[in-house]
Amino acid sequence: MKLALIYPLAALAEIGGCFAFWAWLKLDRSPLWLAPGVICLIAFAWLLTLVPTDTAGRAFAAYGGVYICASLIWMAVVEKTTPDRWDVLGGLVCLIGAGIILFGPRAA
């Protein structure tokens, strides 16, 4: 699976899974929300194992930038709150950092 798909799918799975718990605990939704939440979180963990890197820490660190941007998109689409310019700028900085972590030249 291509990296351009892995990270966005992982972010969607993690945010969806965490939101299910948020909905149950904070929005007074049914405990039945937990079942798809747990499935989403399992999918998230599995997807991160597909990242083509030799260290888990590097895969997780680079994912952080994608997660931040995906969270801002979630905020806009699901929660109907428009990110401000500082949200957008911060997200771009995080994506640049993720790219440096993942694609920076490594000593052999």
C-alpha atoms as a PDB file:
ATOM      1  CA  MET A   1       0.000   0.000   0.000  1.00  0.00           C
ATOM      2  CA  LYS A   2       1.366   3.437  -0.876  1.00  0.00           C
ATOM      3  CA  LEU A   3       2.501   5.793   1.853  1.00  0.00           C
ATOM      4  CA  ALA A   4       0.200   8.501   0.480  1.00  0.00           C
ATOM      5  CA  LEU A   5      -2.718   6.231   1.440  1.00  0.00           C
ATOM      6  CA  ILE A   6      -1.406   4.671   4.643  1.00  0.00           C
ATOM      7  CA  TYR A   7      -1.055   7.827   6.712  1.00  0.00           C
ATOM      8  CA  PRO A   8      -4.396   9.426   5.744  1.00  0.00           C
ATOM      9  CA  LEU A   9      -6.223   6.129   6.312  1.00  0.00           C
ATOM     10  CA  ALA A  10      -4.446   5.681   9.644  1.00  0.00           C
ATOM     11  CA  ALA A  11      -5.422   9.210  10.658  1.00  0.00           C
ATOM     12  CA  LEU A  12      -9.049   8.642   9.697  1.00  0.00           C
ATOM     13  CA  ALA A  13      -9.099   5.384  11.651  1.00  0.00           C
ATOM     14  CA  GLU A  14      -7.485   6.903  14.743  1.00  0.00           C
ATOM     15  CA  ILE A  15      -9.621  10.033  14.775  1.00  0.00           C
ATOM     16  CA  GLY A  16     -12.777   8.018  14.113  1.00  0.00           C
ATOM     17  CA  GLY A  17     -11.924   5.590  16.894  1.00  0.00           C
ATOM     18  CA  CYS A  18     -11.109   8.319  19.371  1.00  0.00           C
ATOM     19  CA  PHE A  19     -14.219  10.269  18.385  1.00  0.00           C
ATOM     20  CA  ALA A  20     -16.357   7.217  19.150  1.00  0.00           C
ATOM     21  CA  PHE A  21     -15.035   7.266  22.723  1.00  0.00           C
ATOM     22  CA  TRP A  22     -15.475  11.057  22.853  1.00  0.00           C
ATOM     23  CA  ALA A  23     -19.088  10.694  21.679  1.00  0.00           C
ATOM     24  CA  TRP A  24     -19.800   8.064  24.316  1.00  0.00           C
ATOM     25  CA  LEU A  25     -18.181   9.932  27.211  1.00  0.00           C
ATOM     26  CA  LYS A  26     -18.698  13.597  26.298  1.00  0.00           C
ATOM     27  CA  LEU A  27     -21.760  13.612  24.040  1.00  0.00           C
ATOM     28  CA  ASP A  28     -23.754  11.038  26.010  1.00  0.00           C
ATOM     29  CA  ARG A  29     -24.009   8.592  23.115  1.00  0.00           C
ATOM     30  CA  SER A  30     -24.728   4.891  23.508  1.00  0.00           C
ATOM     31  CA  PRO A  31     -21.922   2.562  24.648  1.00  0.00           C
ATOM     32  CA  LEU A  32     -22.495   0.802  21.304  1.00  0.00           C
ATOM     33  CA  TRP A  33     -20.316   3.552  19.813  1.00  0.00           C
ATOM     34  CA  LEU A  34     -17.357   1.769  21.439  1.00  0.00           C
ATOM     35  CA  ALA A  35     -17.478  -1.272  19.124  1.00  0.00           C
ATOM     36  CA  PRO A  36     -16.696   0.615  15.898  1.00  0.00           C
ATOM     37  CA  GLY A  37     -14.312   2.796  17.902  1.00  0.00           C
ATOM     38  CA  VAL A  38     -12.237  -0.194  18.951  1.00  0.00           C
ATOM     39  CA  ILE A  39     -12.263  -1.592  15.400  1.00  0.00           C
ATOM     40  CA  CYS A  40     -11.057   1.764  14.073  1.00  0.00           C
ATOM     41  CA  LEU A  41      -8.230   1.898  16.609  1.00  0.00           C
ATOM     42  CA  ILE A  42      -7.128  -1.638  15.703  1.00  0.00           C
ATOM     43  CA  ALA A  43      -7.130  -0.646  12.015  1.00  0.00           C
ATOM     44  CA  PHE A  44      -5.071   2.440  12.890  1.00  0.00           C
ATOM     45  CA  ALA A  45      -2.393   0.378  14.647  1.00  0.00           C
ATOM     46  CA  TRP A  46      -2.266  -2.153  11.808  1.00  0.00           C
ATOM     47  CA  LEU A  47      -1.969   0.565   9.149  1.00  0.00           C
ATOM     48  CA  LEU A  48       1.056   2.094  10.855  1.00  0.00           C
ATOM     49  CA  THR A  49       2.842  -1.262  10.603  1.00  0.00           C
ATOM     50  CA  LEU A  50       2.654  -0.886   6.804  1.00  0.00           C
ATOM     51  CA  VAL A  51       4.855   2.231   6.737  1.00  0.00           C
ATOM     52  CA  PRO A  52       8.068   1.395   4.873  1.00  0.00           C
ATOM     53  CA  THR A  53      10.660   2.454   7.450  1.00  0.00           C
ATOM     54  CA  ASP A  54      13.140   0.535   9.559  1.00  0.00           C
ATOM     55  CA  THR A  55      12.061   2.039  12.897  1.00  0.00           C
ATOM     56  CA  ALA A  56       8.646   2.307  14.491  1.00  0.00           C
ATOM     57  CA  GLY A  57       9.557   5.606  16.151  1.00  0.00           C
ATOM     58  CA  ARG A  58      10.258   7.268  12.818  1.00  0.00           C
ATOM     59  CA  ALA A  59       6.962   6.003  11.373  1.00  0.00           C
ATOM     60  CA  PHE A  60       5.087   7.269  14.439  1.00  0.00           C
ATOM     61  CA  ALA A  61       6.878  10.649  14.503  1.00  0.00           C
ATOM     62  CA  ALA A  62       6.182  11.329  10.830  1.00  0.00           C
ATOM     63  CA  TYR A  63       2.586  10.226  11.316  1.00  0.00           C
ATOM     64  CA  GLY A  64       2.178  12.939  13.945  1.00  0.00           C
ATOM     65  CA  GLY A  65       2.277  15.682  11.310  1.00  0.00           C
ATOM     66  CA  VAL A  66      -0.334  13.935   9.197  1.00  0.00           C
ATOM     67  CA  TYR A  67      -2.499  13.349  12.273  1.00  0.00           C
ATOM     68  CA  ILE A  68      -2.452  17.044  13.156  1.00  0.00           C
ATOM     69  CA  CYS A  69      -3.587  18.051   9.663  1.00  0.00           C
ATOM     70  CA  ALA A  70      -6.233  15.318   9.573  1.00  0.00           C
ATOM     71  CA  SER A  71      -7.526  16.540  12.947  1.00  0.00           C
ATOM     72  CA  LEU A  72      -7.945  20.041  11.535  1.00  0.00           C
ATOM     73  CA  ILE A  73      -9.842  18.627   8.566  1.00  0.00           C
ATOM     74  CA  TRP A  74     -12.029  16.606  10.971  1.00  0.00           C
ATOM     75  CA  MET A  75     -12.694  19.790  12.935  1.00  0.00           C
ATOM     76  CA  ALA A  76     -13.812  21.557   9.755  1.00  0.00           C
ATOM     77  CA  VAL A  77     -15.876  18.744   8.219  1.00  0.00           C
ATOM     78  CA  VAL A  78     -17.371  16.930  11.208  1.00  0.00           C
ATOM     79  CA  GLU A  79     -17.422  19.597  13.905  1.00  0.00           C
ATOM     80  CA  LYS A  80     -18.210  22.446  11.484  1.00  0.00           C
ATOM     81  CA  THR A  81     -15.482  24.694  12.936  1.00  0.00           C
ATOM     82  CA  THR A  82     -13.314  26.476  10.386  1.00  0.00           C
ATOM     83  CA  PRO A  83      -9.577  26.296  11.113  1.00  0.00           C
ATOM     84  CA  ASP A  84      -8.048  29.761  11.387  1.00  0.00           C
ATOM     85  CA  ARG A  85      -4.832  30.875   9.715  1.00  0.00           C
ATOM     86  CA  TRP A  86      -2.773  29.748  12.710  1.00  0.00           C
ATOM     87  CA  ASP A  87      -4.286  26.276  12.544  1.00  0.00           C
ATOM     88  CA  VAL A  88      -3.435  26.084   8.838  1.00  0.00           C
ATOM     89  CA  LEU A  89       0.095  27.442   9.322  1.00  0.00           C
ATOM     90  CA  GLY A  90       0.739  25.069  12.230  1.00  0.00           C
ATOM     91  CA  GLY A  91      -0.529  22.139  10.169  1.00  0.00           C
ATOM     92  CA  LEU A  92       1.782  23.020   7.284  1.00  0.00           C
ATOM     93  CA  VAL A  93       4.771  23.294   9.630  1.00  0.00           C
ATOM     94  CA  CYS A  94       3.926  19.862  11.036  1.00  0.00           C
ATOM     95  CA  LEU A  95       3.641  18.328   7.561  1.00  0.00           C
ATOM     96  CA  ILE A  96       7.018  19.775   6.589  1.00  0.00           C
ATOM     97  CA  GLY A  97       8.502  18.307   9.771  1.00  0.00           C
ATOM     98  CA  ALA A  98       6.928  14.923   9.031  1.00  0.00           C
ATOM     99  CA  GLY A  99       8.439  14.971   5.551  1.00  0.00           C
ATOM    100  CA  ILE A 100      11.890  15.807   6.926  1.00  0.00           C
ATOM    101  CA  ILE A 101      11.645  12.957   9.436  1.00  0.00           C
ATOM    102  CA  LEU A 102      10.451  10.394   6.921  1.00  0.00           C
ATOM    103  CA  PHE A 103      12.371  11.352   3.786  1.00  0.00           C
ATOM    104  CA  GLY A 104      15.540  13.000   5.134  1.00  0.00           C
ATOM    105  CA  PRO A 105      18.812  11.467   3.965  1.00  0.00           C
ATOM    106  CA  ARG A 106      20.174   8.857   6.340  1.00  0.00           C
ATOM    107  CA  ALA A 107      23.777   7.855   6.873  1.00  0.00           C
ATOM    108  CA  ALA A 108      24.379   4.270   5.799  1.00  0.00           C
END
